[in-house]
């Protein structure tokens, strides 16, 4: 019952009040990033949601669009701005995803929505992460976030899919607050951002 109905009610009951409370902060960040990026403060990208259905995820834009002489985007670490690094380290870049939660594309808790190009790279077990709505935070995020391997992340995602409950969601939300305060697991091992997934 919780997985089918209660989870959605909890999402709406938390997301709307949090969105209203953080609205002034989000407006301030939008203005700061507009000036810092010389353009849009938002990053919008197609991501796979539940059952692999694509939706537009919205985040604050923490990287600029600098390109090499060949016209290709520079590596993430080279495009991460000083302002963006601060916003990412405090996880404030995730706040606009509250709109995704309210619309119904995402949940507060669930496997993080990854890149569309990863879809054909998953094996059958890894694809199970799409059996639930993706989340702003998840079991993998409070157990290492970007500092763990892809295999560890997928196993944690599958554990969540098999054990969805109100108690687990509340536990993840509380642990997320602690992680954000401590700024743990923001970067991948040997990288300022998570290394790309290249399949098994």
N, C-alpha and C. Protein backbone atom coordinates (compact mmCIF):
# COMPACT_ATOMS: atom_id res chain seq x y z
N UNK A 1 0.83 -1.21 0.00
CA UNK A 1 0.00 0.00 0.00
C UNK A 1 0.87 1.26 0.00
N UNK A 2 1.94 1.26 0.82
CA UNK A 2 2.81 2.45 0.86
C UNK A 2 3.47 2.69 -0.49
N UNK A 3 3.98 1.62 -1.09
CA UNK A 3 4.69 1.74 -2.36
C UNK A 3 3.79 2.28 -3.46
N UNK A 4 2.51 1.89 -3.46
CA UNK A 4 1.59 2.28 -4.52
C UNK A 4 0.90 3.61 -4.27
N UNK A 5 0.60 3.93 -3.00
CA UNK A 5 -0.18 5.13 -2.69
C UNK A 5 0.51 6.04 -1.67
N UNK A 6 0.90 5.48 -0.55
CA UNK A 6 1.46 6.29 0.54
C UNK A 6 2.71 7.05 0.17
N UNK A 7 3.57 6.45 -0.62
CA UNK A 7 4.83 7.09 -0.99
C UNK A 7 4.59 8.39 -1.76
N UNK A 8 3.61 8.35 -2.65
CA UNK A 8 3.28 9.55 -3.43
C UNK A 8 2.70 10.64 -2.54
N UNK A 9 1.89 10.26 -1.58
CA UNK A 9 1.32 11.24 -0.64
C UNK A 9 2.41 11.88 0.22
N UNK A 10 3.38 11.07 0.64
CA UNK A 10 4.50 11.60 1.42
C UNK A 10 5.32 12.57 0.57
N UNK A 11 5.55 12.21 -0.69
CA UNK A 11 6.31 13.09 -1.59
C UNK A 11 5.66 14.46 -1.69
N UNK A 12 4.36 14.48 -1.97
CA UNK A 12 3.64 15.75 -2.12
C UNK A 12 3.60 16.51 -0.80
N UNK A 13 3.36 15.77 0.29
CA UNK A 13 3.25 16.41 1.61
C UNK A 13 4.53 17.06 2.08
N UNK A 14 5.67 16.58 1.60
CA UNK A 14 6.95 17.15 1.99
C UNK A 14 7.46 18.14 0.94
N UNK A 15 7.34 17.78 -0.34
CA UNK A 15 7.92 18.59 -1.42
C UNK A 15 7.32 19.99 -1.51
N UNK A 16 6.01 20.10 -1.39
CA UNK A 16 5.37 21.42 -1.53
C UNK A 16 5.79 22.38 -0.41
N UNK A 17 5.71 21.99 0.88
CA UNK A 17 6.16 22.89 1.93
C UNK A 17 7.65 23.26 1.82
N UNK A 18 8.49 22.27 1.46
CA UNK A 18 9.93 22.55 1.32
C UNK A 18 10.17 23.52 0.17
N UNK A 19 9.44 23.34 -0.92
CA UNK A 19 9.58 24.25 -2.06
C UNK A 19 9.20 25.68 -1.67
N UNK A 20 8.12 25.83 -0.93
CA UNK A 20 7.69 27.17 -0.49
C UNK A 20 8.70 27.80 0.46
N UNK A 21 9.25 26.99 1.37
CA UNK A 21 10.21 27.49 2.34
C UNK A 21 11.54 27.90 1.68
N UNK A 22 11.93 27.16 0.66
CA UNK A 22 13.23 27.43 0.03
C UNK A 22 13.13 28.34 -1.20
N UNK A 23 11.93 28.79 -1.53
CA UNK A 23 11.74 29.64 -2.71
C UNK A 23 12.64 30.87 -2.71
N UNK A 24 12.75 31.62 -1.60
CA UNK A 24 13.66 32.79 -1.61
C UNK A 24 15.11 32.39 -1.87
N UNK A 25 15.54 31.27 -1.29
CA UNK A 25 16.91 30.79 -1.50
C UNK A 25 17.11 30.41 -2.97
N UNK A 26 16.13 29.74 -3.55
CA UNK A 26 16.24 29.32 -4.95
C UNK A 26 16.28 30.52 -5.89
N UNK A 27 15.54 31.55 -5.56
CA UNK A 27 15.57 32.77 -6.39
C UNK A 27 16.95 33.41 -6.31
N UNK A 28 17.52 33.46 -5.10
CA UNK A 28 18.85 34.02 -4.92
C UNK A 28 19.91 33.24 -5.68
N UNK A 29 19.84 31.91 -5.62
CA UNK A 29 20.80 31.06 -6.33
C UNK A 29 20.64 31.25 -7.84
N UNK A 30 19.39 31.36 -8.30
CA UNK A 30 19.14 31.55 -9.74
C UNK A 30 19.81 32.83 -10.24
N UNK A 31 19.68 33.90 -9.48
CA UNK A 31 20.29 35.17 -9.87
C UNK A 31 21.82 35.05 -9.87
N UNK A 32 22.37 34.42 -8.84
CA UNK A 32 23.81 34.25 -8.73
C UNK A 32 24.36 33.43 -9.90
N UNK A 33 23.68 32.34 -10.23
CA UNK A 33 24.15 31.49 -11.32
C UNK A 33 23.93 32.15 -12.69
N UNK A 34 22.89 32.94 -12.82
CA UNK A 34 22.66 33.66 -14.07
C UNK A 34 23.84 34.59 -14.36
N UNK A 35 24.31 35.24 -13.32
CA UNK A 35 25.45 36.16 -13.48
C UNK A 35 26.75 35.38 -13.66
N UNK A 36 26.91 34.30 -12.90
CA UNK A 36 28.14 33.50 -12.96
C UNK A 36 28.29 32.76 -14.28
N UNK A 37 27.18 32.24 -14.81
CA UNK A 37 27.22 31.45 -16.04
C UNK A 37 26.99 32.28 -17.30
N UNK A 38 26.68 33.56 -17.09
CA UNK A 38 26.35 34.44 -18.22
C UNK A 38 25.22 33.84 -19.06
N UNK A 39 24.24 33.30 -18.36
CA UNK A 39 23.12 32.68 -19.07
C UNK A 39 22.20 31.95 -18.11
N UNK A 40 21.63 30.88 -18.59
CA UNK A 40 20.63 30.15 -17.82
C UNK A 40 21.21 29.57 -16.53
N UNK A 41 20.50 29.73 -15.40
CA UNK A 41 20.95 29.15 -14.13
C UNK A 41 20.54 27.69 -13.98
N UNK A 42 19.77 27.18 -14.96
CA UNK A 42 19.24 25.82 -14.83
C UNK A 42 19.87 24.85 -15.83
N UNK A 43 20.02 23.63 -15.37
CA UNK A 43 20.48 22.53 -16.19
C UNK A 43 19.30 21.60 -16.40
N UNK A 44 18.90 21.41 -17.65
CA UNK A 44 17.76 20.56 -17.97
C UNK A 44 18.21 19.46 -18.92
N UNK A 45 17.92 18.22 -18.57
CA UNK A 45 18.39 17.11 -19.38
C UNK A 45 17.42 15.94 -19.32
N UNK A 46 17.29 15.22 -20.43
CA UNK A 46 16.45 14.02 -20.46
C UNK A 46 17.10 12.93 -19.60
N UNK A 47 16.32 12.34 -18.71
CA UNK A 47 16.80 11.24 -17.89
C UNK A 47 15.74 10.14 -17.84
N UNK A 48 16.16 8.89 -17.71
CA UNK A 48 15.19 7.80 -17.61
C UNK A 48 14.54 7.78 -16.22
N UNK A 49 13.23 7.69 -16.20
CA UNK A 49 12.50 7.59 -14.95
C UNK A 49 12.01 6.17 -14.73
N UNK A 50 10.86 6.04 -14.07
CA UNK A 50 10.30 4.71 -13.80
C UNK A 50 10.03 3.99 -15.12
N UNK A 51 10.42 2.72 -15.19
CA UNK A 51 10.29 1.86 -16.37
C UNK A 51 11.07 2.40 -17.56
N UNK A 52 12.03 3.29 -17.29
CA UNK A 52 12.88 3.82 -18.36
C UNK A 52 12.26 4.94 -19.16
N UNK A 53 11.06 5.40 -18.76
CA UNK A 53 10.41 6.52 -19.46
C UNK A 53 11.20 7.80 -19.24
N UNK A 54 11.45 8.54 -20.31
CA UNK A 54 12.27 9.74 -20.23
C UNK A 54 11.47 10.95 -19.73
N UNK A 55 12.14 11.80 -18.96
CA UNK A 55 11.56 13.05 -18.49
C UNK A 55 12.67 14.08 -18.40
N UNK A 56 12.31 15.34 -18.27
CA UNK A 56 13.30 16.41 -18.15
C UNK A 56 13.61 16.66 -16.68
N UNK A 57 14.82 16.30 -16.26
CA UNK A 57 15.24 16.59 -14.90
C UNK A 57 15.76 18.02 -14.84
N UNK A 58 15.47 18.73 -13.75
CA UNK A 58 15.88 20.12 -13.61
C UNK A 58 16.79 20.27 -12.39
N UNK A 59 17.96 20.87 -12.61
CA UNK A 59 18.90 21.12 -11.53
C UNK A 59 19.49 22.52 -11.72
N UNK A 60 20.13 23.03 -10.69
CA UNK A 60 20.87 24.27 -10.87
C UNK A 60 22.14 23.94 -11.64
N UNK A 61 22.51 24.82 -12.54
CA UNK A 61 23.65 24.58 -13.43
C UNK A 61 24.95 24.95 -12.72
N UNK A 62 25.76 23.95 -12.43
CA UNK A 62 27.01 24.17 -11.68
C UNK A 62 28.24 24.17 -12.58
N UNK A 63 28.06 23.87 -13.87
CA UNK A 63 29.19 23.86 -14.81
C UNK A 63 28.92 24.80 -15.98
N UNK A 64 29.98 25.41 -16.49
CA UNK A 64 29.82 26.27 -17.66
C UNK A 64 29.87 25.43 -18.94
N UNK A 65 29.80 26.08 -20.09
CA UNK A 65 29.75 25.37 -21.37
C UNK A 65 31.04 25.54 -22.18
N UNK A 66 32.17 25.66 -21.50
CA UNK A 66 33.45 25.84 -22.20
C UNK A 66 33.79 24.61 -23.02
N UNK A 67 34.29 24.88 -24.23
CA UNK A 67 34.64 23.80 -25.16
C UNK A 67 36.09 23.86 -25.60
N UNK A 68 36.58 22.76 -26.10
CA UNK A 68 37.95 22.68 -26.59
C UNK A 68 38.02 23.31 -27.97
N UNK A 69 39.22 23.37 -28.54
CA UNK A 69 39.40 23.94 -29.87
C UNK A 69 38.65 23.14 -30.93
N UNK A 70 38.35 21.87 -30.62
CA UNK A 70 37.62 21.00 -31.55
C UNK A 70 36.10 21.15 -31.41
N UNK A 71 35.68 21.95 -30.42
CA UNK A 71 34.26 22.19 -30.23
C UNK A 71 33.57 21.25 -29.27
N UNK A 72 34.32 20.33 -28.65
CA UNK A 72 33.74 19.41 -27.67
C UNK A 72 33.81 19.99 -26.27
N UNK A 73 32.84 19.64 -25.45
CA UNK A 73 32.83 20.15 -24.07
C UNK A 73 34.06 19.67 -23.32
N UNK A 74 34.62 20.55 -22.51
CA UNK A 74 35.76 20.18 -21.68
C UNK A 74 35.30 19.19 -20.61
N UNK A 75 36.23 18.45 -19.98
CA UNK A 75 35.85 17.52 -18.89
C UNK A 75 35.10 18.25 -17.78
N UNK A 76 34.24 17.52 -17.07
CA UNK A 76 33.42 18.11 -16.01
C UNK A 76 34.26 18.91 -15.02
N UNK A 77 35.41 18.36 -14.61
CA UNK A 77 36.23 19.02 -13.59
C UNK A 77 36.73 20.39 -14.07
N UNK A 78 36.89 20.54 -15.39
CA UNK A 78 37.36 21.82 -15.94
C UNK A 78 36.23 22.82 -16.13
N UNK A 79 35.00 22.34 -16.12
CA UNK A 79 33.85 23.23 -16.33
C UNK A 79 33.11 23.57 -15.04
N UNK A 80 33.50 22.92 -13.95
CA UNK A 80 32.87 23.19 -12.66
C UNK A 80 33.33 24.54 -12.14
N UNK A 81 32.42 25.50 -12.05
CA UNK A 81 32.78 26.86 -11.63
C UNK A 81 32.96 26.94 -10.12
N UNK A 82 33.56 28.01 -9.67
CA UNK A 82 33.77 28.19 -8.23
C UNK A 82 32.44 28.27 -7.50
N UNK A 83 31.51 29.04 -8.06
CA UNK A 83 30.17 29.14 -7.48
C UNK A 83 29.48 27.79 -7.55
N UNK A 84 29.61 27.12 -8.70
CA UNK A 84 28.99 25.82 -8.89
C UNK A 84 29.52 24.78 -7.92
N UNK A 85 30.81 24.83 -7.65
CA UNK A 85 31.42 23.88 -6.72
C UNK A 85 30.83 24.05 -5.32
N UNK A 86 30.63 25.30 -4.91
CA UNK A 86 30.04 25.57 -3.60
C UNK A 86 28.60 25.06 -3.54
N UNK A 87 27.83 25.35 -4.57
CA UNK A 87 26.43 24.93 -4.60
C UNK A 87 26.32 23.41 -4.63
N UNK A 88 27.20 22.77 -5.40
CA UNK A 88 27.17 21.31 -5.47
C UNK A 88 27.59 20.68 -4.15
N UNK A 89 28.58 21.26 -3.49
CA UNK A 89 29.08 20.69 -2.24
C UNK A 89 28.03 20.73 -1.13
N UNK A 90 27.09 21.65 -1.25
CA UNK A 90 26.01 21.75 -0.26
C UNK A 90 24.72 21.09 -0.76
N UNK A 91 24.79 20.49 -1.95
CA UNK A 91 23.66 19.79 -2.58
C UNK A 91 22.49 20.72 -2.91
N UNK A 92 22.74 22.02 -2.92
CA UNK A 92 21.66 22.96 -3.27
C UNK A 92 21.29 22.88 -4.74
N UNK A 93 22.18 22.30 -5.55
CA UNK A 93 21.87 22.16 -6.98
C UNK A 93 20.70 21.21 -7.23
N UNK A 94 20.34 20.41 -6.21
CA UNK A 94 19.25 19.45 -6.36
C UNK A 94 17.87 20.05 -6.09
N UNK A 95 17.81 21.24 -5.50
CA UNK A 95 16.53 21.82 -5.09
C UNK A 95 15.48 21.92 -6.20
N UNK A 96 15.84 22.32 -7.43
CA UNK A 96 14.81 22.42 -8.47
C UNK A 96 14.11 21.10 -8.78
N UNK A 97 14.69 19.98 -8.37
CA UNK A 97 14.06 18.69 -8.61
C UNK A 97 12.79 18.50 -7.78
N UNK A 98 12.55 19.41 -6.84
CA UNK A 98 11.29 19.38 -6.11
C UNK A 98 10.12 19.55 -7.08
N UNK A 99 10.34 20.31 -8.17
CA UNK A 99 9.30 20.45 -9.18
C UNK A 99 9.05 19.09 -9.86
N UNK A 100 10.13 18.34 -10.12
CA UNK A 100 9.98 17.00 -10.70
C UNK A 100 9.18 16.08 -9.78
N UNK A 101 9.39 16.24 -8.48
CA UNK A 101 8.68 15.41 -7.50
C UNK A 101 7.20 15.77 -7.51
N UNK A 102 6.89 17.04 -7.49
CA UNK A 102 5.49 17.48 -7.46
C UNK A 102 4.75 17.06 -8.73
N UNK A 103 5.42 17.15 -9.88
CA UNK A 103 4.81 16.74 -11.15
C UNK A 103 4.56 15.23 -11.17
N UNK A 104 5.47 14.48 -10.52
CA UNK A 104 5.30 13.03 -10.49
C UNK A 104 6.35 12.26 -11.25
N UNK A 105 7.34 12.97 -11.81
CA UNK A 105 8.42 12.29 -12.53
C UNK A 105 9.39 11.61 -11.56
N UNK A 106 9.51 12.19 -10.37
CA UNK A 106 10.47 11.71 -9.39
C UNK A 106 9.82 11.54 -8.03
N UNK A 107 10.55 10.92 -7.13
CA UNK A 107 10.16 10.80 -5.73
C UNK A 107 11.24 11.49 -4.90
N UNK A 108 10.95 11.76 -3.65
CA UNK A 108 11.99 12.30 -2.78
C UNK A 108 13.10 11.27 -2.61
N UNK A 109 12.72 10.00 -2.51
CA UNK A 109 13.68 8.92 -2.29
C UNK A 109 13.55 7.86 -3.37
N UNK A 110 14.68 7.46 -3.92
CA UNK A 110 14.70 6.43 -4.96
C UNK A 110 16.07 6.43 -5.63
N UNK A 111 16.33 5.50 -6.51
CA UNK A 111 17.60 5.50 -7.24
C UNK A 111 17.76 6.80 -8.04
N UNK A 112 18.94 7.36 -8.04
CA UNK A 112 19.15 8.62 -8.76
C UNK A 112 18.95 8.42 -10.26
N UNK A 113 18.32 9.38 -10.95
CA UNK A 113 18.14 9.27 -12.41
C UNK A 113 19.49 9.50 -13.11
N UNK A 114 19.94 8.52 -13.85
CA UNK A 114 21.24 8.60 -14.51
C UNK A 114 21.07 9.00 -15.97
N UNK A 115 22.13 8.92 -16.75
CA UNK A 115 22.08 9.37 -18.14
C UNK A 115 21.31 8.41 -19.04
N UNK A 116 20.66 8.97 -20.04
CA UNK A 116 19.89 8.16 -21.00
C UNK A 116 20.81 7.17 -21.72
N UNK A 117 22.04 7.58 -22.01
CA UNK A 117 22.94 6.71 -22.77
C UNK A 117 23.38 5.47 -22.00
N UNK A 118 23.10 5.44 -20.69
CA UNK A 118 23.46 4.25 -19.91
C UNK A 118 22.44 3.11 -20.08
N UNK A 119 21.25 3.43 -20.54
CA UNK A 119 20.18 2.44 -20.62
C UNK A 119 20.59 1.13 -21.30
N UNK A 120 21.21 1.17 -22.50
CA UNK A 120 21.57 -0.09 -23.14
C UNK A 120 22.77 -0.79 -22.50
N UNK A 121 23.42 -0.14 -21.54
CA UNK A 121 24.60 -0.72 -20.90
C UNK A 121 24.27 -1.55 -19.67
N UNK A 122 23.04 -1.40 -19.14
CA UNK A 122 22.66 -2.14 -17.95
C UNK A 122 22.42 -3.62 -18.26
N UNK A 123 22.78 -4.47 -17.32
CA UNK A 123 22.35 -5.86 -17.45
C UNK A 123 20.95 -5.96 -16.84
N UNK A 124 20.38 -7.16 -16.88
CA UNK A 124 18.99 -7.32 -16.43
C UNK A 124 18.81 -6.91 -14.97
N UNK A 125 19.76 -7.26 -14.13
CA UNK A 125 19.66 -6.93 -12.71
C UNK A 125 19.77 -5.42 -12.48
N UNK A 126 20.71 -4.79 -13.15
CA UNK A 126 20.90 -3.35 -12.98
C UNK A 126 19.69 -2.56 -13.46
N UNK A 127 18.99 -3.08 -14.47
CA UNK A 127 17.80 -2.40 -15.00
C UNK A 127 16.66 -2.34 -14.00
N UNK A 128 16.73 -3.18 -12.97
CA UNK A 128 15.66 -3.20 -11.97
C UNK A 128 15.58 -1.88 -11.19
N UNK A 129 16.62 -1.07 -11.26
CA UNK A 129 16.59 0.23 -10.58
C UNK A 129 15.46 1.11 -11.11
N UNK A 130 14.94 0.78 -12.30
CA UNK A 130 13.87 1.58 -12.91
C UNK A 130 12.48 1.08 -12.55
N UNK A 131 12.38 0.14 -11.62
CA UNK A 131 11.07 -0.36 -11.21
C UNK A 131 10.33 0.62 -10.30
N UNK A 132 11.04 1.61 -9.80
CA UNK A 132 10.43 2.65 -8.96
C UNK A 132 10.80 4.02 -9.52
N UNK A 133 10.10 5.05 -9.07
CA UNK A 133 10.47 6.40 -9.50
C UNK A 133 11.87 6.74 -9.01
N UNK A 134 12.66 7.46 -9.82
CA UNK A 134 13.97 7.92 -9.35
C UNK A 134 13.80 8.95 -8.25
N UNK A 135 14.82 9.14 -7.44
CA UNK A 135 14.70 10.05 -6.31
C UNK A 135 15.74 11.16 -6.28
N UNK A 136 15.44 12.19 -5.51
CA UNK A 136 16.42 13.26 -5.27
C UNK A 136 17.57 12.70 -4.44
N UNK A 137 17.23 11.82 -3.50
CA UNK A 137 18.24 11.11 -2.72
C UNK A 137 17.86 9.64 -2.70
N UNK A 138 18.79 8.80 -2.26
CA UNK A 138 18.51 7.37 -2.27
C UNK A 138 19.43 6.60 -1.34
N UNK A 139 19.22 5.30 -1.30
CA UNK A 139 20.01 4.43 -0.42
C UNK A 139 21.49 4.48 -0.80
N UNK A 140 21.78 4.58 -2.08
CA UNK A 140 23.18 4.68 -2.53
C UNK A 140 23.79 6.01 -2.11
N UNK A 141 22.99 7.07 -2.11
CA UNK A 141 23.51 8.39 -1.77
C UNK A 141 23.89 8.50 -0.29
N UNK A 142 23.21 7.77 0.57
CA UNK A 142 23.55 7.85 2.00
C UNK A 142 24.52 6.74 2.40
N UNK A 143 24.97 5.97 1.40
CA UNK A 143 25.95 4.92 1.66
C UNK A 143 27.17 5.07 0.75
N UNK A 144 27.55 6.32 0.53
CA UNK A 144 28.76 6.57 -0.25
C UNK A 144 28.62 7.58 -1.36
N UNK A 145 27.40 7.77 -1.85
CA UNK A 145 27.14 8.74 -2.90
C UNK A 145 28.08 8.53 -4.09
N UNK A 146 28.83 9.55 -4.50
CA UNK A 146 29.73 9.43 -5.66
C UNK A 146 31.06 8.77 -5.33
N UNK A 147 31.30 8.46 -4.07
CA UNK A 147 32.59 7.89 -3.66
C UNK A 147 32.61 6.37 -3.70
N UNK A 148 31.56 5.73 -4.20
CA UNK A 148 31.51 4.28 -4.30
C UNK A 148 31.53 3.87 -5.77
N UNK A 149 31.80 2.59 -6.03
CA UNK A 149 31.86 2.10 -7.40
C UNK A 149 30.46 1.98 -8.00
N UNK A 150 30.41 1.86 -9.32
CA UNK A 150 29.12 1.69 -9.98
C UNK A 150 28.43 0.42 -9.52
N UNK A 151 29.17 -0.68 -9.39
CA UNK A 151 28.56 -1.93 -8.97
C UNK A 151 27.94 -1.82 -7.57
N UNK A 152 28.66 -1.15 -6.66
CA UNK A 152 28.14 -0.95 -5.31
C UNK A 152 26.87 -0.10 -5.36
N UNK A 153 26.89 0.92 -6.20
CA UNK A 153 25.73 1.80 -6.32
C UNK A 153 24.51 1.03 -6.82
N UNK A 154 24.69 0.21 -7.85
CA UNK A 154 23.57 -0.54 -8.41
C UNK A 154 23.00 -1.53 -7.40
N UNK A 155 23.88 -2.18 -6.64
CA UNK A 155 23.40 -3.13 -5.64
C UNK A 155 22.59 -2.43 -4.55
N UNK A 156 23.02 -1.24 -4.18
CA UNK A 156 22.28 -0.46 -3.19
C UNK A 156 20.93 -0.01 -3.75
N UNK A 157 20.90 0.35 -5.04
CA UNK A 157 19.65 0.73 -5.69
C UNK A 157 18.66 -0.43 -5.69
N UNK A 158 19.17 -1.62 -6.01
CA UNK A 158 18.30 -2.80 -6.06
C UNK A 158 17.80 -3.18 -4.67
N UNK A 159 18.66 -3.00 -3.68
CA UNK A 159 18.22 -3.24 -2.30
C UNK A 159 17.03 -2.33 -1.98
N UNK A 160 17.12 -1.07 -2.40
CA UNK A 160 16.03 -0.14 -2.11
C UNK A 160 14.75 -0.59 -2.82
N UNK A 161 14.86 -0.96 -4.10
CA UNK A 161 13.69 -1.40 -4.87
C UNK A 161 12.99 -2.56 -4.16
N UNK A 162 13.76 -3.47 -3.59
CA UNK A 162 13.20 -4.66 -2.93
C UNK A 162 12.71 -4.39 -1.51
N UNK A 163 13.03 -3.22 -0.97
CA UNK A 163 12.70 -2.97 0.44
C UNK A 163 12.04 -1.62 0.69
N UNK A 164 11.34 -1.08 -0.32
CA UNK A 164 10.68 0.22 -0.17
C UNK A 164 9.70 0.18 1.01
N UNK A 165 9.84 1.17 1.88
CA UNK A 165 8.93 1.29 3.02
C UNK A 165 9.01 2.72 3.55
N UNK A 166 8.01 3.10 4.32
CA UNK A 166 8.02 4.43 4.94
C UNK A 166 9.20 4.56 5.87
N UNK A 167 9.48 3.52 6.65
CA UNK A 167 10.60 3.57 7.59
C UNK A 167 11.92 3.77 6.86
N UNK A 168 12.14 3.05 5.77
CA UNK A 168 13.39 3.18 5.03
C UNK A 168 13.50 4.56 4.40
N UNK A 169 12.40 5.08 3.86
CA UNK A 169 12.42 6.43 3.27
C UNK A 169 12.77 7.49 4.31
N UNK A 170 12.16 7.40 5.49
CA UNK A 170 12.45 8.37 6.55
C UNK A 170 13.91 8.26 6.99
N UNK A 171 14.39 7.03 7.08
CA UNK A 171 15.78 6.79 7.46
C UNK A 171 16.73 7.43 6.44
N UNK A 172 16.43 7.28 5.16
CA UNK A 172 17.27 7.85 4.10
C UNK A 172 17.22 9.37 4.13
N UNK A 173 16.03 9.93 4.32
CA UNK A 173 15.90 11.39 4.37
C UNK A 173 16.71 11.98 5.52
N UNK A 174 16.64 11.35 6.70
CA UNK A 174 17.39 11.84 7.86
C UNK A 174 18.89 11.71 7.64
N UNK A 175 19.31 10.59 7.07
CA UNK A 175 20.74 10.39 6.81
C UNK A 175 21.24 11.32 5.72
N UNK A 176 20.35 11.69 4.80
CA UNK A 176 20.72 12.64 3.74
C UNK A 176 21.06 14.00 4.35
N UNK A 177 20.25 14.43 5.30
CA UNK A 177 20.50 15.72 5.96
C UNK A 177 21.87 15.72 6.62
N UNK A 178 22.20 14.62 7.29
CA UNK A 178 23.52 14.50 7.94
C UNK A 178 24.63 14.53 6.89
N UNK A 179 24.46 13.80 5.77
CA UNK A 179 25.47 13.75 4.72
C UNK A 179 25.70 15.13 4.11
N UNK A 180 24.60 15.86 3.89
CA UNK A 180 24.71 17.20 3.30
C UNK A 180 25.46 18.13 4.23
N UNK A 181 25.16 18.06 5.52
CA UNK A 181 25.84 18.91 6.50
C UNK A 181 27.34 18.59 6.55
N UNK A 182 27.66 17.30 6.49
CA UNK A 182 29.07 16.88 6.53
C UNK A 182 29.76 16.98 5.17
N UNK A 183 28.95 17.16 4.11
CA UNK A 183 29.46 17.24 2.74
C UNK A 183 30.28 16.01 2.38
N UNK A 184 29.72 14.85 2.63
CA UNK A 184 30.41 13.59 2.38
C UNK A 184 30.03 13.00 1.02
N UNK A 185 31.02 12.39 0.35
CA UNK A 185 30.77 11.62 -0.86
C UNK A 185 30.39 12.43 -2.08
N UNK A 186 30.77 13.72 -2.12
CA UNK A 186 30.40 14.56 -3.26
C UNK A 186 31.12 14.12 -4.53
N UNK A 187 32.39 13.76 -4.40
CA UNK A 187 33.21 13.41 -5.55
C UNK A 187 33.42 11.92 -5.67
N UNK A 188 33.70 11.48 -6.89
CA UNK A 188 34.06 10.09 -7.11
C UNK A 188 35.51 9.88 -6.75
N UNK A 189 35.95 8.63 -6.68
CA UNK A 189 37.33 8.30 -6.34
C UNK A 189 38.24 8.82 -7.43
N UNK A 190 39.14 9.76 -7.06
CA UNK A 190 40.09 10.32 -8.01
C UNK A 190 39.47 11.27 -9.01
N UNK A 191 38.29 11.77 -8.73
CA UNK A 191 37.61 12.65 -9.67
C UNK A 191 36.75 13.64 -8.90
N UNK A 192 36.56 14.83 -9.49
CA UNK A 192 35.71 15.82 -8.85
C UNK A 192 34.24 15.51 -9.06
N UNK A 193 33.94 14.67 -10.04
CA UNK A 193 32.57 14.22 -10.27
C UNK A 193 32.61 12.71 -10.47
N UNK A 194 31.45 12.09 -10.53
CA UNK A 194 31.39 10.64 -10.70
C UNK A 194 31.88 10.26 -12.09
N UNK A 195 32.75 9.24 -12.17
CA UNK A 195 33.25 8.79 -13.46
C UNK A 195 32.10 8.16 -14.26
N UNK A 196 32.16 8.26 -15.61
CA UNK A 196 31.09 7.70 -16.44
C UNK A 196 30.97 6.18 -16.28
N UNK A 197 29.75 5.68 -16.48
CA UNK A 197 29.51 4.24 -16.46
C UNK A 197 29.69 3.73 -17.88
N UNK A 198 30.57 2.73 -18.04
CA UNK A 198 30.87 2.20 -19.37
C UNK A 198 30.39 0.76 -19.57
N UNK A 199 29.48 0.34 -18.72
CA UNK A 199 28.96 -1.01 -18.86
C UNK A 199 29.73 -2.00 -18.01
N UNK A 200 29.37 -3.26 -18.12
CA UNK A 200 29.98 -4.29 -17.30
C UNK A 200 31.30 -4.79 -17.90
